Amino acid sequence: MTLRNHSVTLQQASRDSPVLMRLTELTQDSVARLASIQSLIPAALRSSVKAGPIEGVTWCLLLDNAAAAAKIRQLLPALQAHLRTKGWVVDAIRLKVHQQSTK
């Protein structure tokens, strides 16, 4: 029996796997949410904010540093309200500071 290795694209793999398909959908949804709120985030902070995981009605934003997290924390009510007007059910937005390693 000869096994052949062949590569597939992420799209092909996600079509064949319900778990990967769901993960892809959640990732796309998270990126769309971030795009929706970009105009509410101060321009100087936009590059410090990344889309994070969605867990039920809780969405996570990944931040580069604690200062960005402090400012975004002040904006959370407006961000949640904006997302609701766009049709997303978001009861909470979690903030996680993701420290970059300096290697």
N, C-alpha and C. Protein backbone atom coordinates (compact mmCIF):
# COMPACT_ATOMS: atom_id res chain seq x y z
N MET A 1 0.85 -1.18 0.00
CA MET A 1 0.00 0.00 0.00
C MET A 1 0.89 1.24 0.00
N THR A 2 0.68 2.11 -0.94
CA THR A 2 1.47 3.32 -1.06
C THR A 2 0.63 4.51 -0.60
N LEU A 3 1.18 5.23 0.37
CA LEU A 3 0.52 6.43 0.85
C LEU A 3 1.18 7.63 0.21
N ARG A 4 0.38 8.53 -0.26
CA ARG A 4 0.90 9.76 -0.86
C ARG A 4 0.51 10.94 0.00
N ASN A 5 1.48 11.73 0.26
CA ASN A 5 1.21 12.98 0.97
C ASN A 5 0.80 14.02 -0.04
N HIS A 6 -0.27 14.68 0.24
CA HIS A 6 -0.68 15.78 -0.62
C HIS A 6 -1.17 16.92 0.26
N SER A 7 -0.89 18.08 -0.18
CA SER A 7 -1.29 19.24 0.61
C SER A 7 -2.67 19.71 0.17
N VAL A 8 -3.36 20.30 1.11
CA VAL A 8 -4.67 20.88 0.83
C VAL A 8 -4.68 22.28 1.41
N THR A 9 -5.51 23.12 0.85
CA THR A 9 -5.63 24.48 1.38
C THR A 9 -6.46 24.45 2.66
N LEU A 10 -6.38 25.51 3.41
CA LEU A 10 -7.17 25.62 4.63
C LEU A 10 -8.65 25.56 4.29
N GLN A 11 -9.05 26.17 3.20
CA GLN A 11 -10.45 26.14 2.79
C GLN A 11 -10.91 24.71 2.50
N GLN A 12 -10.07 23.94 1.81
CA GLN A 12 -10.42 22.55 1.52
C GLN A 12 -10.52 21.74 2.81
N ALA A 13 -9.56 21.93 3.70
CA ALA A 13 -9.56 21.19 4.96
C ALA A 13 -10.78 21.56 5.80
N SER A 14 -11.14 22.84 5.82
CA SER A 14 -12.28 23.25 6.65
C SER A 14 -13.60 22.74 6.09
N ARG A 15 -13.68 22.59 4.78
CA ARG A 15 -14.90 22.03 4.19
C ARG A 15 -15.06 20.56 4.57
N ASP A 16 -13.95 19.87 4.75
CA ASP A 16 -13.98 18.45 5.07
C ASP A 16 -14.08 18.16 6.56
N SER A 17 -13.91 19.17 7.38
CA SER A 17 -13.93 18.97 8.83
C SER A 17 -14.86 19.98 9.49
N PRO A 18 -15.93 19.50 10.13
CA PRO A 18 -16.85 20.42 10.80
C PRO A 18 -16.15 21.26 11.88
N VAL A 19 -15.19 20.68 12.57
CA VAL A 19 -14.49 21.42 13.62
C VAL A 19 -13.67 22.56 13.02
N LEU A 20 -12.93 22.27 11.96
CA LEU A 20 -12.16 23.33 11.31
C LEU A 20 -13.07 24.36 10.67
N MET A 21 -14.20 23.92 10.14
CA MET A 21 -15.15 24.86 9.54
C MET A 21 -15.66 25.84 10.60
N ARG A 22 -15.99 25.33 11.77
CA ARG A 22 -16.49 26.19 12.85
C ARG A 22 -15.40 27.16 13.32
N LEU A 23 -14.18 26.66 13.45
CA LEU A 23 -13.07 27.51 13.85
C LEU A 23 -12.83 28.63 12.84
N THR A 24 -12.91 28.29 11.56
CA THR A 24 -12.74 29.29 10.50
C THR A 24 -13.85 30.33 10.57
N GLU A 25 -15.07 29.90 10.80
CA GLU A 25 -16.20 30.83 10.90
C GLU A 25 -16.01 31.78 12.09
N LEU A 26 -15.58 31.24 13.23
CA LEU A 26 -15.37 32.07 14.42
C LEU A 26 -14.24 33.08 14.20
N THR A 27 -13.20 32.65 13.53
CA THR A 27 -12.09 33.55 13.24
C THR A 27 -12.54 34.69 12.33
N GLN A 28 -13.28 34.35 11.29
CA GLN A 28 -13.78 35.37 10.37
C GLN A 28 -14.75 36.32 11.08
N ASP A 29 -15.58 35.79 11.97
CA ASP A 29 -16.51 36.61 12.73
C ASP A 29 -15.76 37.57 13.64
N SER A 30 -14.72 37.07 14.30
CA SER A 30 -13.93 37.91 15.19
C SER A 30 -13.25 39.05 14.44
N VAL A 31 -12.69 38.74 13.28
CA VAL A 31 -12.04 39.76 12.45
C VAL A 31 -13.07 40.79 11.97
N ALA A 32 -14.26 40.33 11.62
CA ALA A 32 -15.32 41.24 11.18
C ALA A 32 -15.76 42.16 12.31
N ARG A 33 -15.84 41.63 13.53
CA ARG A 33 -16.20 42.46 14.68
C ARG A 33 -15.16 43.56 14.89
N LEU A 34 -13.90 43.18 14.82
CA LEU A 34 -12.84 44.18 15.00
C LEU A 34 -12.91 45.25 13.92
N ALA A 35 -13.14 44.84 12.69
CA ALA A 35 -13.26 45.81 11.60
C ALA A 35 -14.42 46.76 11.86
N SER A 36 -15.48 46.25 12.44
CA SER A 36 -16.67 47.06 12.72
C SER A 36 -16.40 48.15 13.76
N ILE A 37 -15.54 47.86 14.72
CA ILE A 37 -15.30 48.84 15.79
C ILE A 37 -14.04 49.68 15.59
N GLN A 38 -13.31 49.47 14.51
CA GLN A 38 -12.06 50.20 14.27
C GLN A 38 -12.23 51.71 14.38
N SER A 39 -13.33 52.23 13.86
CA SER A 39 -13.52 53.68 13.88
C SER A 39 -13.72 54.23 15.30
N LEU A 40 -14.08 53.37 16.25
CA LEU A 40 -14.28 53.80 17.63
C LEU A 40 -13.00 53.76 18.45
N ILE A 41 -11.98 53.11 17.92
CA ILE A 41 -10.70 52.99 18.61
C ILE A 41 -9.81 54.14 18.16
N PRO A 42 -9.19 54.84 19.11
CA PRO A 42 -8.28 55.92 18.72
C PRO A 42 -7.22 55.42 17.73
N ALA A 43 -6.94 56.22 16.74
CA ALA A 43 -6.02 55.83 15.67
C ALA A 43 -4.67 55.33 16.19
N ALA A 44 -4.18 55.97 17.24
CA ALA A 44 -2.87 55.58 17.78
C ALA A 44 -2.88 54.19 18.41
N LEU A 45 -4.06 53.69 18.77
CA LEU A 45 -4.16 52.38 19.42
C LEU A 45 -4.55 51.25 18.47
N ARG A 46 -5.01 51.56 17.29
CA ARG A 46 -5.55 50.54 16.40
C ARG A 46 -4.58 49.40 16.13
N SER A 47 -3.32 49.71 15.96
CA SER A 47 -2.35 48.64 15.66
C SER A 47 -2.06 47.78 16.89
N SER A 48 -2.47 48.22 18.07
CA SER A 48 -2.24 47.47 19.30
C SER A 48 -3.38 46.52 19.64
N VAL A 49 -4.44 46.55 18.86
CA VAL A 49 -5.63 45.75 19.15
C VAL A 49 -5.79 44.69 18.07
N LYS A 50 -5.92 43.43 18.51
CA LYS A 50 -6.11 42.30 17.59
C LYS A 50 -7.39 41.56 17.96
N ALA A 51 -7.99 40.94 16.97
CA ALA A 51 -9.19 40.14 17.21
C ALA A 51 -8.80 38.86 17.94
N GLY A 52 -9.56 38.52 18.95
CA GLY A 52 -9.29 37.31 19.73
C GLY A 52 -10.44 36.33 19.61
N PRO A 53 -10.43 35.31 20.46
CA PRO A 53 -11.43 34.25 20.38
C PRO A 53 -12.83 34.71 20.80
N ILE A 54 -13.80 34.00 20.28
CA ILE A 54 -15.20 34.19 20.66
C ILE A 54 -15.63 32.95 21.42
N GLU A 55 -16.17 33.17 22.61
CA GLU A 55 -16.66 32.07 23.44
C GLU A 55 -18.09 32.38 23.82
N GLY A 56 -19.02 31.86 23.06
CA GLY A 56 -20.43 32.14 23.31
C GLY A 56 -20.73 33.60 23.06
N VAL A 57 -21.19 34.30 24.12
CA VAL A 57 -21.52 35.73 23.99
C VAL A 57 -20.40 36.62 24.50
N THR A 58 -19.23 36.03 24.71
CA THR A 58 -18.06 36.79 25.16
C THR A 58 -17.03 36.82 24.05
N TRP A 59 -16.53 37.99 23.77
CA TRP A 59 -15.51 38.17 22.74
C TRP A 59 -14.25 38.69 23.42
N CYS A 60 -13.11 38.29 22.94
CA CYS A 60 -11.84 38.69 23.53
C CYS A 60 -11.06 39.56 22.55
N LEU A 61 -10.49 40.64 23.06
CA LEU A 61 -9.57 41.47 22.29
C LEU A 61 -8.18 41.25 22.85
N LEU A 62 -7.22 41.07 21.96
CA LEU A 62 -5.83 40.89 22.36
C LEU A 62 -5.12 42.22 22.19
N LEU A 63 -4.44 42.66 23.24
CA LEU A 63 -3.80 43.97 23.24
C LEU A 63 -2.30 43.83 23.45
N ASP A 64 -1.56 44.73 22.83
CA ASP A 64 -0.10 44.68 22.90
C ASP A 64 0.48 45.09 24.25
N ASN A 65 -0.24 45.93 24.98
CA ASN A 65 0.32 46.41 26.25
C ASN A 65 -0.79 46.85 27.21
N ALA A 66 -0.40 47.04 28.45
CA ALA A 66 -1.37 47.40 29.50
C ALA A 66 -1.95 48.79 29.29
N ALA A 67 -1.18 49.71 28.73
CA ALA A 67 -1.70 51.06 28.49
C ALA A 67 -2.84 51.03 27.48
N ALA A 68 -2.68 50.23 26.43
CA ALA A 68 -3.75 50.08 25.44
C ALA A 68 -4.97 49.44 26.09
N ALA A 69 -4.74 48.45 26.93
CA ALA A 69 -5.86 47.78 27.62
C ALA A 69 -6.63 48.76 28.50
N ALA A 70 -5.91 49.64 29.19
CA ALA A 70 -6.56 50.62 30.07
C ALA A 70 -7.47 51.55 29.27
N LYS A 71 -7.00 52.01 28.13
CA LYS A 71 -7.81 52.91 27.30
C LYS A 71 -9.00 52.17 26.69
N ILE A 72 -8.76 50.97 26.17
CA ILE A 72 -9.85 50.20 25.57
C ILE A 72 -10.90 49.85 26.62
N ARG A 73 -10.47 49.58 27.84
CA ARG A 73 -11.41 49.27 28.92
C ARG A 73 -12.42 50.40 29.09
N GLN A 74 -11.98 51.64 28.92
CA GLN A 74 -12.88 52.80 29.03
C GLN A 74 -13.91 52.82 27.89
N LEU A 75 -13.55 52.23 26.76
CA LEU A 75 -14.43 52.25 25.58
C LEU A 75 -15.38 51.06 25.51
N LEU A 76 -15.24 50.09 26.42
CA LEU A 76 -16.01 48.86 26.31
C LEU A 76 -17.53 49.06 26.17
N PRO A 77 -18.16 49.93 26.97
CA PRO A 77 -19.61 50.10 26.79
C PRO A 77 -19.98 50.56 25.37
N ALA A 78 -19.22 51.49 24.82
CA ALA A 78 -19.51 51.97 23.47
C ALA A 78 -19.24 50.89 22.43
N LEU A 79 -18.19 50.11 22.63
CA LEU A 79 -17.88 49.03 21.69
C LEU A 79 -18.99 47.98 21.68
N GLN A 80 -19.44 47.59 22.88
CA GLN A 80 -20.52 46.60 22.97
C GLN A 80 -21.81 47.13 22.34
N ALA A 81 -22.14 48.35 22.61
CA ALA A 81 -23.36 48.94 22.04
C ALA A 81 -23.28 48.97 20.52
N HIS A 82 -22.12 49.35 19.99
CA HIS A 82 -21.94 49.39 18.54
C HIS A 82 -22.10 48.00 17.93
N LEU A 83 -21.48 47.01 18.55
CA LEU A 83 -21.59 45.64 18.03
C LEU A 83 -23.04 45.16 18.03
N ARG A 84 -23.78 45.51 19.08
CA ARG A 84 -25.20 45.11 19.14
C ARG A 84 -26.00 45.76 18.01
N THR A 85 -25.70 47.02 17.70
CA THR A 85 -26.42 47.68 16.61
C THR A 85 -26.13 47.03 15.26
N LYS A 86 -24.98 46.35 15.17
CA LYS A 86 -24.61 45.65 13.93
C LYS A 86 -25.10 44.21 13.92
N GLY A 87 -25.81 43.79 14.98
CA GLY A 87 -26.41 42.46 15.00
C GLY A 87 -25.65 41.38 15.76
N TRP A 88 -24.51 41.72 16.34
CA TRP A 88 -23.77 40.73 17.12
C TRP A 88 -24.27 40.70 18.55
N VAL A 89 -24.39 39.52 19.12
CA VAL A 89 -24.76 39.37 20.52
C VAL A 89 -23.47 39.27 21.31
N VAL A 90 -23.13 40.35 22.00
CA VAL A 90 -21.90 40.41 22.78
C VAL A 90 -22.27 40.92 24.17
N ASP A 91 -22.29 40.00 25.13
CA ASP A 91 -22.60 40.40 26.50
C ASP A 91 -21.38 40.92 27.24
N ALA A 92 -20.20 40.49 26.79
CA ALA A 92 -18.96 40.93 27.45
C ALA A 92 -17.81 40.93 26.44
N ILE A 93 -16.90 41.85 26.65
CA ILE A 93 -15.66 41.87 25.88
C ILE A 93 -14.53 41.72 26.89
N ARG A 94 -13.78 40.66 26.74
CA ARG A 94 -12.62 40.40 27.59
C ARG A 94 -11.39 41.03 26.96
N LEU A 95 -10.50 41.55 27.78
CA LEU A 95 -9.25 42.12 27.28
C LEU A 95 -8.10 41.26 27.79
N LYS A 96 -7.20 40.93 26.89
CA LYS A 96 -6.03 40.14 27.27
C LYS A 96 -4.79 40.81 26.70
N VAL A 97 -3.87 41.13 27.59
CA VAL A 97 -2.61 41.73 27.16
C VAL A 97 -1.69 40.60 26.74
N HIS A 98 -1.23 40.70 25.50
CA HIS A 98 -0.36 39.68 24.93
C HIS A 98 1.03 40.27 24.80
N GLN A 99 1.90 39.89 25.71
CA GLN A 99 3.27 40.41 25.71
C GLN A 99 4.06 39.75 24.59
N GLN A 100 4.70 40.54 23.76
CA GLN A 100 5.57 40.03 22.72
C GLN A 100 6.90 39.67 23.34
N SER A 101 7.44 38.50 22.97
CA SER A 101 8.76 38.14 23.47
C SER A 101 9.81 38.95 22.72
N THR A 102 10.85 39.31 23.38
CA THR A 102 11.91 40.13 22.78
C THR A 102 13.15 39.29 22.57
N LYS A 103 13.08 38.41 21.60
CA LYS A 103 14.22 37.54 21.29
C LYS A 103 15.06 38.15 20.21
